[in-house]
């Protein structure tokens, strides 16, 4: 998975499914480039020539669901951190 260093609250996510028999490292430069522009990118690893379209569609859905859960958790963390900082009188840099 590739993610931007500084992310928006609602980042866009992309799932790459490499072509049959293609290695995932062929997509790493695309993933890094998109992450540098604010996207969260997940690249499916290598899969067999015998993987069916239904299996691939299922894998894509599982990865997309995982990304949505991850994004939701990050958003909850950001909100909770902000609430804790405001209750403690802390600035974003940790100073009072």
N, C-alpha and C. Protein backbone atom coordinates (compact mmCIF):
# COMPACT_ATOMS: atom_id res chain seq x y z
N UNK A 1 0.84 -1.17 0.00
CA UNK A 1 0.00 0.00 0.00
C UNK A 1 0.88 1.23 0.00
N UNK A 2 0.47 2.22 -0.75
CA UNK A 2 1.15 3.50 -0.82
C UNK A 2 0.18 4.57 -0.37
N UNK A 3 0.68 5.53 0.40
CA UNK A 3 -0.19 6.61 0.85
C UNK A 3 0.58 7.92 0.82
N UNK A 4 -0.17 9.03 0.72
CA UNK A 4 0.51 10.32 0.73
C UNK A 4 1.10 10.62 2.11
N UNK A 5 2.17 11.38 2.14
CA UNK A 5 2.77 11.75 3.43
C UNK A 5 1.81 12.61 4.22
N UNK A 6 1.24 13.61 3.57
CA UNK A 6 0.22 14.45 4.20
C UNK A 6 -1.08 14.17 3.49
N UNK A 7 -2.04 13.65 4.23
CA UNK A 7 -3.28 13.21 3.62
C UNK A 7 -4.43 14.14 3.97
N UNK A 8 -5.38 14.23 3.06
CA UNK A 8 -6.61 14.96 3.33
C UNK A 8 -7.46 14.13 4.27
N UNK A 9 -8.52 14.75 4.82
CA UNK A 9 -9.43 13.99 5.67
C UNK A 9 -10.17 12.92 4.88
N UNK A 10 -10.50 13.20 3.63
CA UNK A 10 -11.25 12.26 2.80
C UNK A 10 -10.44 11.94 1.54
N UNK A 11 -9.36 11.18 1.69
CA UNK A 11 -8.53 10.89 0.52
C UNK A 11 -9.20 9.93 -0.45
N UNK A 12 -8.89 10.06 -1.71
CA UNK A 12 -9.36 9.11 -2.72
C UNK A 12 -8.48 7.87 -2.67
N UNK A 13 -9.06 6.72 -2.97
CA UNK A 13 -8.30 5.47 -2.93
C UNK A 13 -8.41 4.76 -4.28
N UNK A 14 -7.34 4.07 -4.64
CA UNK A 14 -7.28 3.34 -5.90
C UNK A 14 -6.77 1.94 -5.61
N UNK A 15 -7.38 0.93 -6.27
CA UNK A 15 -6.91 -0.44 -6.18
C UNK A 15 -6.39 -0.85 -7.56
N UNK A 16 -5.11 -1.21 -7.64
CA UNK A 16 -4.54 -1.71 -8.89
C UNK A 16 -4.58 -3.23 -8.89
N UNK A 17 -5.09 -3.79 -9.96
CA UNK A 17 -5.05 -5.24 -10.18
C UNK A 17 -4.13 -5.46 -11.37
N UNK A 18 -2.88 -5.87 -11.14
CA UNK A 18 -1.95 -6.08 -12.26
C UNK A 18 -2.51 -7.07 -13.27
N UNK A 19 -2.09 -6.93 -14.51
CA UNK A 19 -2.51 -7.86 -15.55
C UNK A 19 -2.11 -9.28 -15.20
N UNK A 20 -2.76 -10.22 -15.78
CA UNK A 20 -2.46 -11.63 -15.49
C UNK A 20 -0.97 -11.90 -15.68
N UNK A 21 -0.40 -12.56 -14.71
CA UNK A 21 1.00 -12.97 -14.70
C UNK A 21 1.97 -11.79 -14.57
N UNK A 22 1.46 -10.57 -14.45
CA UNK A 22 2.34 -9.41 -14.25
C UNK A 22 2.69 -9.32 -12.77
N UNK A 23 3.89 -8.91 -12.48
CA UNK A 23 4.29 -8.76 -11.09
C UNK A 23 3.83 -7.41 -10.57
N UNK A 24 3.59 -7.33 -9.28
CA UNK A 24 3.12 -6.08 -8.71
C UNK A 24 4.17 -4.98 -8.76
N UNK A 25 5.47 -5.34 -8.84
CA UNK A 25 6.50 -4.30 -8.88
C UNK A 25 6.43 -3.46 -10.16
N UNK A 26 5.76 -3.96 -11.19
CA UNK A 26 5.59 -3.17 -12.41
C UNK A 26 4.65 -1.99 -12.18
N UNK A 27 3.89 -2.02 -11.10
CA UNK A 27 2.91 -0.97 -10.81
C UNK A 27 3.36 -0.05 -9.68
N UNK A 28 4.51 -0.33 -9.08
CA UNK A 28 4.95 0.46 -7.93
C UNK A 28 5.19 1.92 -8.28
N UNK A 29 5.75 2.20 -9.45
CA UNK A 29 6.01 3.60 -9.82
C UNK A 29 4.69 4.36 -10.00
N UNK A 30 3.68 3.69 -10.57
CA UNK A 30 2.36 4.33 -10.71
C UNK A 30 1.77 4.61 -9.33
N UNK A 31 1.90 3.62 -8.44
CA UNK A 31 1.35 3.77 -7.10
C UNK A 31 2.02 4.93 -6.35
N UNK A 32 3.35 4.99 -6.43
CA UNK A 32 4.08 6.09 -5.77
C UNK A 32 3.69 7.45 -6.36
N UNK A 33 3.58 7.52 -7.68
CA UNK A 33 3.22 8.78 -8.33
C UNK A 33 1.84 9.24 -7.89
N UNK A 34 0.89 8.33 -7.84
CA UNK A 34 -0.47 8.69 -7.42
C UNK A 34 -0.50 9.06 -5.94
N UNK A 35 0.25 8.35 -5.11
CA UNK A 35 0.31 8.68 -3.68
C UNK A 35 0.91 10.06 -3.48
N UNK A 36 1.88 10.44 -4.31
CA UNK A 36 2.48 11.78 -4.18
C UNK A 36 1.49 12.88 -4.55
N UNK A 37 0.40 12.49 -5.19
CA UNK A 37 -0.64 13.46 -5.56
C UNK A 37 -1.88 13.35 -4.66
N UNK A 38 -1.75 12.63 -3.54
CA UNK A 38 -2.81 12.61 -2.55
C UNK A 38 -3.70 11.39 -2.52
N UNK A 39 -3.45 10.41 -3.38
CA UNK A 39 -4.27 9.21 -3.40
C UNK A 39 -3.69 8.15 -2.46
N UNK A 40 -4.56 7.30 -1.92
CA UNK A 40 -4.11 6.09 -1.23
C UNK A 40 -4.23 4.98 -2.26
N UNK A 41 -3.16 4.23 -2.46
CA UNK A 41 -3.11 3.23 -3.53
C UNK A 41 -2.77 1.86 -2.95
N UNK A 42 -3.59 0.87 -3.29
CA UNK A 42 -3.30 -0.52 -2.93
C UNK A 42 -3.04 -1.28 -4.22
N UNK A 43 -1.98 -2.07 -4.23
CA UNK A 43 -1.64 -2.87 -5.41
C UNK A 43 -1.79 -4.34 -5.06
N UNK A 44 -2.66 -5.02 -5.78
CA UNK A 44 -2.85 -6.47 -5.58
C UNK A 44 -1.58 -7.18 -6.01
N UNK A 45 -1.14 -8.13 -5.24
CA UNK A 45 0.05 -8.90 -5.60
C UNK A 45 -0.19 -9.81 -6.79
N UNK A 46 0.84 -10.50 -7.17
CA UNK A 46 0.78 -11.41 -8.31
C UNK A 46 -0.33 -12.42 -8.14
N UNK A 47 -0.97 -12.79 -9.23
CA UNK A 47 -1.97 -13.86 -9.18
C UNK A 47 -1.81 -14.74 -10.40
N UNK A 48 -2.32 -15.93 -10.30
CA UNK A 48 -2.13 -16.98 -11.29
C UNK A 48 -2.91 -16.71 -12.58
N UNK A 49 -2.42 -17.27 -13.64
CA UNK A 49 -3.12 -17.23 -14.92
C UNK A 49 -4.49 -17.91 -14.81
N UNK A 50 -4.62 -18.80 -13.83
CA UNK A 50 -5.86 -19.56 -13.66
C UNK A 50 -6.85 -18.89 -12.71
N UNK A 51 -6.53 -17.70 -12.21
CA UNK A 51 -7.45 -16.97 -11.36
C UNK A 51 -8.64 -16.53 -12.21
N UNK A 52 -9.83 -16.80 -11.74
CA UNK A 52 -11.02 -16.45 -12.52
C UNK A 52 -11.36 -14.97 -12.34
N UNK A 53 -12.15 -14.46 -13.26
CA UNK A 53 -12.59 -13.06 -13.14
C UNK A 53 -13.41 -12.85 -11.87
N UNK A 54 -14.21 -13.83 -11.49
CA UNK A 54 -15.00 -13.72 -10.26
C UNK A 54 -14.09 -13.65 -9.02
N UNK A 55 -13.04 -14.46 -9.00
CA UNK A 55 -12.09 -14.42 -7.88
C UNK A 55 -11.39 -13.07 -7.83
N UNK A 56 -11.03 -12.56 -8.98
CA UNK A 56 -10.36 -11.26 -9.04
C UNK A 56 -11.29 -10.13 -8.60
N UNK A 57 -12.54 -10.20 -9.03
CA UNK A 57 -13.53 -9.20 -8.61
C UNK A 57 -13.73 -9.26 -7.10
N UNK A 58 -13.76 -10.47 -6.55
CA UNK A 58 -13.90 -10.62 -5.10
C UNK A 58 -12.69 -10.02 -4.38
N UNK A 59 -11.49 -10.32 -4.86
CA UNK A 59 -10.27 -9.76 -4.26
C UNK A 59 -10.31 -8.24 -4.29
N UNK A 60 -10.73 -7.67 -5.42
CA UNK A 60 -10.80 -6.21 -5.54
C UNK A 60 -11.77 -5.63 -4.52
N UNK A 61 -12.91 -6.31 -4.33
CA UNK A 61 -13.90 -5.83 -3.35
C UNK A 61 -13.35 -5.92 -1.93
N UNK A 62 -12.65 -7.00 -1.62
CA UNK A 62 -12.05 -7.15 -0.28
C UNK A 62 -11.03 -6.03 -0.03
N UNK A 63 -10.19 -5.75 -1.02
CA UNK A 63 -9.18 -4.69 -0.87
C UNK A 63 -9.86 -3.34 -0.72
N UNK A 64 -10.89 -3.07 -1.53
CA UNK A 64 -11.61 -1.79 -1.44
C UNK A 64 -12.28 -1.64 -0.08
N UNK A 65 -12.90 -2.71 0.42
CA UNK A 65 -13.51 -2.65 1.75
C UNK A 65 -12.47 -2.39 2.83
N UNK A 66 -11.30 -3.04 2.69
CA UNK A 66 -10.22 -2.83 3.65
C UNK A 66 -9.76 -1.37 3.63
N UNK A 67 -9.63 -0.81 2.42
CA UNK A 67 -9.21 0.59 2.31
C UNK A 67 -10.24 1.52 2.94
N UNK A 68 -11.51 1.27 2.72
CA UNK A 68 -12.55 2.11 3.33
C UNK A 68 -12.50 2.03 4.85
N UNK A 69 -12.28 0.84 5.38
CA UNK A 69 -12.16 0.68 6.83
C UNK A 69 -10.93 1.44 7.33
N UNK A 70 -9.83 1.32 6.63
CA UNK A 70 -8.60 2.02 7.01
C UNK A 70 -8.82 3.54 7.00
N UNK A 71 -9.45 4.04 5.96
CA UNK A 71 -9.71 5.48 5.86
C UNK A 71 -10.62 5.93 7.00
N UNK A 72 -11.67 5.14 7.30
CA UNK A 72 -12.55 5.47 8.42
C UNK A 72 -11.78 5.51 9.73
N UNK A 73 -10.88 4.55 9.96
CA UNK A 73 -10.09 4.52 11.19
C UNK A 73 -9.18 5.73 11.29
N UNK A 74 -8.59 6.12 10.18
CA UNK A 74 -7.72 7.30 10.18
C UNK A 74 -8.53 8.55 10.51
N UNK A 75 -9.72 8.64 9.94
CA UNK A 75 -10.58 9.81 10.23
C UNK A 75 -10.96 9.85 11.70
N UNK A 76 -11.30 8.71 12.28
CA UNK A 76 -11.63 8.65 13.71
C UNK A 76 -10.42 9.07 14.54
N UNK A 77 -9.23 8.59 14.18
CA UNK A 77 -8.01 8.94 14.89
C UNK A 77 -7.77 10.46 14.84
N UNK A 78 -7.95 11.05 13.67
CA UNK A 78 -7.74 12.50 13.51
C UNK A 78 -8.72 13.27 14.39
N UNK A 79 -9.98 12.87 14.38
CA UNK A 79 -10.99 13.56 15.18
C UNK A 79 -10.70 13.40 16.67
N UNK A 80 -10.38 12.17 17.11
CA UNK A 80 -10.07 11.95 18.53
C UNK A 80 -8.82 12.71 18.97
N UNK A 81 -7.80 12.73 18.13
CA UNK A 81 -6.59 13.48 18.46
C UNK A 81 -6.90 14.95 18.62
N UNK A 82 -7.71 15.48 17.73
CA UNK A 82 -8.09 16.89 17.80
C UNK A 82 -8.88 17.18 19.08
N UNK A 83 -9.80 16.29 19.43
CA UNK A 83 -10.58 16.48 20.66
C UNK A 83 -9.70 16.43 21.90
N UNK A 84 -8.79 15.46 21.94
CA UNK A 84 -7.89 15.34 23.08
C UNK A 84 -7.01 16.58 23.21
N UNK A 85 -6.48 17.04 22.08
CA UNK A 85 -5.62 18.22 22.12
C UNK A 85 -6.40 19.44 22.59
N UNK A 86 -7.63 19.59 22.14
CA UNK A 86 -8.41 20.76 22.55
C UNK A 86 -8.79 20.68 24.03
N UNK A 87 -9.09 19.49 24.54
CA UNK A 87 -9.43 19.32 25.96
C UNK A 87 -8.22 19.57 26.85
N UNK A 88 -7.05 19.22 26.37
CA UNK A 88 -5.82 19.40 27.15
C UNK A 88 -5.18 20.76 26.90
N UNK A 89 -5.75 21.53 26.02
CA UNK A 89 -5.18 22.84 25.71
C UNK A 89 -3.89 22.76 24.91
N UNK A 90 -3.72 21.70 24.14
CA UNK A 90 -2.50 21.53 23.34
C UNK A 90 -2.71 22.00 21.92
N UNK A 91 -1.66 22.55 21.35
CA UNK A 91 -1.67 22.88 19.93
C UNK A 91 -1.28 21.63 19.14
N UNK A 92 -1.39 21.72 17.84
CA UNK A 92 -1.06 20.58 16.98
C UNK A 92 0.40 20.15 17.15
N UNK A 93 1.30 21.09 17.54
CA UNK A 93 2.71 20.75 17.71
C UNK A 93 3.02 20.20 19.11
N UNK A 94 1.96 20.01 19.94
CA UNK A 94 2.15 19.43 21.25
C UNK A 94 2.43 20.45 22.36
N UNK A 95 2.56 21.70 22.01
CA UNK A 95 2.83 22.76 22.99
C UNK A 95 1.50 23.27 23.58
N UNK A 96 1.58 23.82 24.77
CA UNK A 96 0.38 24.39 25.42
C UNK A 96 0.21 25.83 25.01
